[in-house]
N, C-alpha and C. Protein backbone atom coordinates (compact mmCIF):
# COMPACT_ATOMS: atom_id res chain seq x y z
N MET A 1 0.68 -1.39 -0.13
CA MET A 1 0.07 0.16 -0.19
C MET A 1 0.96 1.53 -0.06
N LYS A 2 2.02 1.22 0.58
CA LYS A 2 2.86 2.37 0.83
C LYS A 2 3.45 2.42 -0.56
N VAL A 3 3.71 1.47 -1.60
CA VAL A 3 4.19 1.77 -2.60
C VAL A 3 3.19 2.25 -3.54
N ARG A 4 1.97 1.84 -3.59
CA ARG A 4 0.62 2.64 -4.13
C ARG A 4 0.54 3.90 -3.75
N ILE A 5 0.61 4.15 -2.75
CA ILE A 5 0.65 5.75 -2.38
C ILE A 5 1.55 6.59 -2.86
N THR A 6 2.75 6.04 -3.03
CA THR A 6 4.13 6.63 -3.60
C THR A 6 3.65 6.93 -4.97
N ASN A 7 2.98 5.81 -5.64
CA ASN A 7 2.92 6.00 -7.10
C ASN A 7 1.58 7.05 -7.44
N ILE A 8 0.82 7.09 -6.40
CA ILE A 8 -0.18 7.89 -6.51
C ILE A 8 0.27 9.47 -6.54
N ASP A 9 1.11 9.59 -5.41
CA ASP A 9 1.74 11.12 -5.16
C ASP A 9 2.58 11.09 -6.68
N ARG A 10 3.28 10.38 -7.18
CA ARG A 10 4.18 10.68 -8.32
C ARG A 10 3.07 11.08 -9.33
N ASP A 11 1.94 10.31 -9.43
CA ASP A 11 1.01 10.72 -10.74
C ASP A 11 0.34 12.27 -10.26
N ILE A 12 0.10 12.44 -9.14
CA ILE A 12 -0.53 13.64 -8.86
C ILE A 12 0.58 14.78 -9.38
N ASP A 13 1.91 14.50 -9.17
CA ASP A 13 2.93 15.54 -9.11
C ASP A 13 2.90 15.85 -10.79
N GLU A 14 3.07 14.73 -11.75
CA GLU A 14 3.32 14.65 -12.93
C GLU A 14 1.88 15.47 -13.59
N ASN A 15 0.79 15.08 -12.93
CA ASN A 15 -0.57 16.00 -13.41
C ASN A 15 -0.12 17.48 -13.27
N GLU A 16 0.18 17.66 -12.11
CA GLU A 16 0.32 19.21 -11.91
C GLU A 16 1.10 20.09 -12.50
N ARG A 17 2.51 19.44 -12.82
CA ARG A 17 3.27 19.81 -13.62
C ARG A 17 2.63 20.08 -15.21
N ALA A 18 2.15 18.95 -15.50
CA ALA A 18 1.45 18.99 -16.67
C ALA A 18 0.41 20.20 -17.21
N MET A 19 -0.20 20.40 -15.76
CA MET A 19 -1.28 21.69 -15.84
C MET A 19 -0.34 22.86 -15.85
N ARG A 20 0.25 22.98 -14.94
CA ARG A 20 1.26 24.29 -15.15
C ARG A 20 1.79 24.53 -16.48
N ARG A 21 2.13 23.81 -17.18
CA ARG A 21 2.59 23.70 -18.62
C ARG A 21 1.54 24.32 -19.48
N LEU A 22 0.30 23.83 -19.14
CA LEU A 22 -0.45 24.23 -20.16
C LEU A 22 -1.36 25.82 -19.65
N GLU A 23 -1.13 26.08 -18.54
CA GLU A 23 -1.65 27.51 -17.77
C GLU A 23 -0.46 28.46 -18.56
N THR A 24 0.81 28.24 -18.34
CA THR A 24 1.85 28.83 -19.05
C THR A 24 1.76 29.20 -20.43
N SER A 25 1.40 28.12 -21.25
CA SER A 25 1.02 28.02 -22.69
C SER A 25 -0.03 28.75 -22.97
N ALA A 26 -0.94 29.13 -22.27
CA ALA A 26 -2.14 29.77 -22.72
C ALA A 26 -2.13 31.24 -22.79
N TYR A 27 -1.06 31.98 -22.09
CA TYR A 27 -0.95 33.36 -22.17
C TYR A 27 -0.26 33.86 -23.52
N VAL A 28 -0.85 34.41 -24.17
CA VAL A 28 -0.76 34.97 -25.14
C VAL A 28 -0.62 36.80 -25.14
N ARG A 29 0.17 37.18 -26.23
CA ARG A 29 0.17 38.59 -26.12
C ARG A 29 -0.25 39.18 -27.48
N ASP A 30 -1.21 40.01 -27.38
CA ASP A 30 -1.86 40.74 -28.55
C ASP A 30 -1.06 41.67 -29.51
N ILE A 31 -1.48 42.46 -30.36
CA ILE A 31 -0.74 43.47 -31.17
C ILE A 31 -0.22 44.64 -30.33
N ASN A 32 -1.16 45.07 -29.34
CA ASN A 32 -0.80 45.85 -28.56
C ASN A 32 0.26 45.73 -27.10
N GLY A 33 0.70 44.41 -27.34
CA GLY A 33 1.56 43.89 -26.14
C GLY A 33 1.10 43.73 -25.08
N GLN A 34 -0.16 43.71 -24.68
CA GLN A 34 -1.09 43.22 -23.67
C GLN A 34 -0.85 41.72 -23.56
N ILE A 35 -0.75 40.98 -22.19
CA ILE A 35 -0.75 39.21 -22.13
C ILE A 35 -2.27 39.18 -21.88
N TRP A 36 -2.87 38.04 -22.35
CA TRP A 36 -4.02 37.62 -22.26
C TRP A 36 -4.15 36.10 -22.22
N GLN A 37 -5.12 35.76 -21.02
CA GLN A 37 -4.95 34.30 -21.10
C GLN A 37 -6.16 33.55 -22.15
N SER A 38 -5.57 33.00 -22.77
CA SER A 38 -6.49 32.46 -23.69
C SER A 38 -7.23 31.03 -22.79
N ALA A 39 -8.49 30.21 -23.52
CA ALA A 39 -8.99 29.30 -22.76
C ALA A 39 -8.04 28.03 -22.71
N LEU A 40 -8.25 27.29 -21.56
CA LEU A 40 -7.55 26.18 -21.30
C LEU A 40 -7.73 24.66 -22.18
N PRO A 41 -7.19 24.25 -22.90
CA PRO A 41 -7.48 23.20 -23.38
C PRO A 41 -8.36 21.84 -22.45
N PRO A 42 -9.19 21.18 -23.18
CA PRO A 42 -10.02 20.29 -22.36
C PRO A 42 -9.28 19.31 -21.80
N VAL A 43 -8.11 18.99 -21.90
CA VAL A 43 -6.95 18.12 -21.36
C VAL A 43 -6.87 18.90 -19.67
N TYR A 44 -6.82 19.98 -19.64
CA TYR A 44 -6.70 20.46 -18.33
C TYR A 44 -7.80 20.17 -17.36
N GLY A 45 -8.77 20.06 -17.86
CA GLY A 45 -10.13 19.84 -17.07
C GLY A 45 -9.88 18.10 -16.67
N GLN A 46 -9.75 17.61 -17.69
CA GLN A 46 -9.43 16.03 -17.43
C GLN A 46 -8.20 15.91 -16.30
N LEU A 47 -7.07 16.54 -16.39
CA LEU A 47 -5.93 16.38 -15.53
C LEU A 47 -6.44 16.55 -14.15
N GLN A 48 -7.19 17.73 -14.05
CA GLN A 48 -7.94 18.22 -12.58
C GLN A 48 -8.89 17.15 -12.12
N GLU A 49 -9.59 16.54 -13.10
CA GLU A 49 -10.30 15.29 -12.46
C GLU A 49 -9.85 14.31 -12.14
N ASP A 50 -8.67 13.87 -12.94
CA ASP A 50 -7.74 12.71 -12.37
C ASP A 50 -7.01 13.00 -11.00
N ASN A 51 -6.66 14.32 -11.08
CA ASN A 51 -6.19 14.46 -9.66
C ASN A 51 -7.03 14.32 -8.47
N ARG A 52 -8.47 14.76 -8.93
CA ARG A 52 -9.45 14.63 -7.85
C ARG A 52 -9.51 13.11 -7.19
N LYS A 53 -9.46 12.26 -8.63
CA LYS A 53 -9.80 11.10 -8.31
C LYS A 53 -8.47 10.33 -7.65
N LEU A 54 -7.22 10.62 -7.94
CA LEU A 54 -6.02 10.21 -7.38
C LEU A 54 -6.10 10.54 -5.87
N ASN A 55 -6.26 11.88 -5.52
CA ASN A 55 -6.57 12.17 -4.17
C ASN A 55 -7.70 11.23 -3.33
N VAL A 56 -8.79 10.84 -3.68
CA VAL A 56 -9.72 10.45 -2.95
C VAL A 56 -8.93 8.76 -2.91
N GLU A 57 -8.41 8.34 -4.07
CA GLU A 57 -7.82 7.13 -3.90
C GLU A 57 -6.66 6.75 -2.90
N ARG A 58 -5.93 7.90 -2.83
CA ARG A 58 -4.69 8.10 -1.87
C ARG A 58 -5.44 8.08 -0.52
N GLN A 59 -6.48 8.73 -0.13
CA GLN A 59 -6.87 8.76 1.23
C GLN A 59 -7.51 7.47 1.43
N GLN A 60 -8.07 6.80 0.53
CA GLN A 60 -8.81 5.52 1.03
C GLN A 60 -7.41 4.19 1.19
N GLN A 61 -6.32 4.63 0.64
CA GLN A 61 -5.23 3.93 0.50
C GLN A 61 -4.57 4.03 2.35
N PHE A 62 -4.66 5.15 2.61
CA PHE A 62 -4.54 5.72 3.93
C PHE A 62 -5.39 5.08 5.07
N VAL A 63 -6.63 4.78 4.78
CA VAL A 63 -7.41 4.54 5.87
C VAL A 63 -7.27 2.86 5.62
N GLU A 64 -6.96 2.32 4.68
CA GLU A 64 -6.91 0.71 4.65
C GLU A 64 -5.14 0.30 5.12
N LEU A 65 -4.56 1.31 5.09
CA LEU A 65 -3.23 1.09 5.74
C LEU A 65 -3.54 1.08 7.24
N ASP A 66 -4.15 2.13 7.74
CA ASP A 66 -4.57 2.14 9.26
C ASP A 66 -5.12 0.82 9.56
N LYS A 67 -5.97 0.55 8.79
CA LYS A 67 -6.93 -1.00 9.17
C LYS A 67 -6.03 -1.86 9.27
N LEU A 68 -4.83 -2.34 8.34
CA LEU A 68 -3.87 -2.81 8.40
C LEU A 68 -2.87 -2.68 9.45
N ARG A 69 -2.61 -1.76 10.15
CA ARG A 69 -1.69 -1.36 11.30
C ARG A 69 -2.85 -2.09 12.47
N GLU A 70 -3.92 -1.85 12.49
CA GLU A 70 -4.71 -2.29 13.76
C GLU A 70 -4.94 -3.55 13.89
N GLN A 71 -5.06 -4.38 12.65
CA GLN A 71 -4.91 -5.77 12.68
C GLN A 71 -3.72 -6.36 13.06
N ALA A 72 -2.84 -5.63 12.69
CA ALA A 72 -1.52 -6.35 13.14
C ALA A 72 -1.16 -6.35 14.54
N LYS A 73 -1.61 -5.00 15.02
CA LYS A 73 -1.37 -4.81 16.56
C LYS A 73 -2.38 -6.04 17.05
N ALA A 74 -3.73 -6.19 16.87
CA ALA A 74 -4.62 -7.14 17.41
C ALA A 74 -3.71 -8.52 17.18
N VAL A 75 -3.41 -8.75 16.30
CA VAL A 75 -2.83 -10.04 16.14
C VAL A 75 -1.58 -10.15 16.87
N ASN A 76 -0.71 -9.08 17.03
CA ASN A 76 0.48 -9.15 18.30
C ASN A 76 -0.05 -9.51 19.60
N ARG A 77 -1.33 -8.61 20.13
CA ARG A 77 -1.87 -8.97 21.26
C ARG A 77 -2.48 -10.29 21.71
N ASN A 78 -2.71 -10.97 20.51
CA ASN A 78 -3.31 -12.30 20.66
C ASN A 78 -2.40 -13.65 20.66
N LEU A 79 -1.18 -12.85 20.49
CA LEU A 79 -0.19 -13.98 20.31
C LEU A 79 0.33 -14.75 21.60
N PRO A 80 0.18 -16.23 21.54
CA PRO A 80 0.62 -16.82 22.81
C PRO A 80 1.87 -16.86 23.47
N ILE A 81 2.71 -16.17 22.88
CA ILE A 81 4.23 -16.19 23.19
C ILE A 81 4.14 -15.25 24.53
N PRO A 82 4.91 -15.84 25.90
CA PRO A 82 4.53 -14.87 26.96
C PRO A 82 5.86 -13.64 26.89
N LYS A 83 5.92 -13.01 27.69
CA LYS A 83 6.95 -11.64 27.66
C LYS A 83 8.37 -12.71 28.21
N TYR A 84 9.19 -12.16 27.92
CA TYR A 84 10.63 -12.74 28.25
C TYR A 84 10.50 -12.20 29.69
N THR A 85 10.70 -13.32 30.91
CA THR A 85 10.97 -12.98 32.16
C THR A 85 12.24 -12.76 33.04
N GLY A 86 13.17 -12.98 31.99
CA GLY A 86 14.59 -13.00 32.24
C GLY A 86 15.23 -14.33 32.63
N ILE A 87 14.36 -15.40 32.73
CA ILE A 87 15.01 -16.80 33.19
C ILE A 87 14.62 -17.54 32.15
N GLN A 88 15.62 -18.06 31.53
CA GLN A 88 15.44 -18.92 30.16
C GLN A 88 14.60 -20.33 30.95
N ARG A 89 14.12 -21.03 29.99
CA ARG A 89 13.21 -21.99 30.47
C ARG A 89 13.45 -23.07 29.23
N ILE A 90 13.63 -24.51 29.56
CA ILE A 90 13.64 -25.56 28.49
C ILE A 90 12.38 -25.96 28.10
N MET A 91 12.03 -26.37 27.04
CA MET A 91 10.77 -26.76 26.46
C MET A 91 11.11 -27.89 25.81
N ASP A 92 10.14 -28.51 26.03
CA ASP A 92 10.09 -29.75 25.04
C ASP A 92 9.64 -29.74 23.72
N GLU A 93 9.04 -30.94 22.76
CA GLU A 93 8.64 -30.39 21.52
C GLU A 93 7.31 -29.90 21.25
N THR A 94 6.65 -30.32 22.60
CA THR A 94 5.13 -29.72 22.54
C THR A 94 5.14 -28.12 23.10
N HIS A 95 6.74 -27.73 23.55
CA HIS A 95 6.57 -26.33 24.18
C HIS A 95 6.05 -26.08 25.75
N ALA A 96 6.16 -27.56 26.12
CA ALA A 96 5.72 -27.43 27.48
C ALA A 96 7.21 -27.47 28.38
N PRO A 97 7.10 -26.75 29.50
CA PRO A 97 8.40 -26.61 30.28
C PRO A 97 8.96 -27.76 30.57
N VAL A 98 10.02 -28.11 30.62
CA VAL A 98 10.91 -29.39 30.97
C VAL A 98 11.76 -28.71 32.23
N MET A 99 11.56 -29.68 33.38
CA MET A 99 12.50 -29.14 34.52
C MET A 99 13.78 -29.49 34.25
N GLY A 100 14.60 -28.65 34.33
CA GLY A 100 15.99 -28.86 34.34
C GLY A 100 16.69 -29.77 35.39
N PRO A 101 17.92 -29.90 35.66
CA PRO A 101 18.51 -30.94 36.27
C PRO A 101 18.35 -30.04 37.54
N SER A 102 18.35 -30.73 38.73
CA SER A 102 18.35 -29.73 40.20
C SER A 102 19.72 -29.67 40.48
N PRO A 103 19.67 -28.44 41.37
CA PRO A 103 21.41 -28.38 41.39
C PRO A 103 21.91 -29.25 42.54
N ALA A 104 23.00 -29.24 42.71
CA ALA A 104 23.65 -30.54 43.23
C ALA A 104 23.46 -29.71 44.80
N PRO A 105 23.36 -30.70 45.66
CA PRO A 105 23.34 -30.26 47.16
C PRO A 105 24.53 -29.58 47.69
N THR A 106 24.40 -28.63 48.48
CA THR A 106 25.82 -27.95 48.98
C THR A 106 25.63 -28.74 50.31
N THR A 107 26.93 -29.13 50.78
CA THR A 107 27.26 -29.55 52.09
C THR A 107 28.16 -28.53 52.90
N ALA A 108 27.36 -28.43 54.19
CA ALA A 108 27.95 -27.43 55.25
C ALA A 108 29.22 -27.97 55.55
N PRO A 109 29.98 -26.88 55.63
CA PRO A 109 31.33 -27.33 56.06
C PRO A 109 31.44 -27.69 57.50
N ALA A 110 32.14 -28.75 57.88
CA ALA A 110 32.53 -29.37 59.09
C ALA A 110 32.69 -28.36 60.25
N THR A 111 31.85 -28.31 61.41
CA THR A 111 32.20 -27.49 62.41
C THR A 111 33.30 -28.29 63.57
N THR A 112 34.15 -27.45 63.85
CA THR A 112 34.83 -28.26 65.20
C THR A 112 34.23 -27.53 66.29
N ASN A 113 34.00 -28.36 67.30
CA ASN A 113 33.66 -28.17 68.74
C ASN A 113 34.95 -27.61 69.39
N ALA A 114 35.03 -26.34 69.85
CA ALA A 114 36.33 -26.29 70.63
C ALA A 114 36.31 -26.47 71.98
N ALA A 115 35.19 -26.91 72.43
CA ALA A 115 35.11 -27.82 73.81
C ALA A 115 35.53 -28.88 73.83
N ASN A 116 35.39 -29.85 72.34
CA ASN A 116 35.78 -31.04 72.38
C ASN A 116 37.02 -31.13 71.83
N GLY A 117 37.72 -30.35 71.71
CA GLY A 117 38.99 -30.76 71.09
C GLY A 117 40.10 -30.26 71.45
């Protein structure tokens, strides 16, 4: 959709350049040296109508793009993947947590009894 919007913008710019060329070529100088604007050719009106249609389509593309963004956000909210808690957990092929090996028991240092000794 972004590419289509870019293409629409390019088409609108091209139409506007063509319209400016038609406007500047419509000016004529009479025998007294005064400048007059002659009637614009019918293609000028067609270009205006094309730009109107392109602007409507451009707005529709933006609406569709917003809808797609909202759909993507909804999908992301419904994903079953939990947020990372900072603890790595081992999972089996069904994605069920697997208990890792238990830590080796620590032995308390031997205490000497000063009274026995």
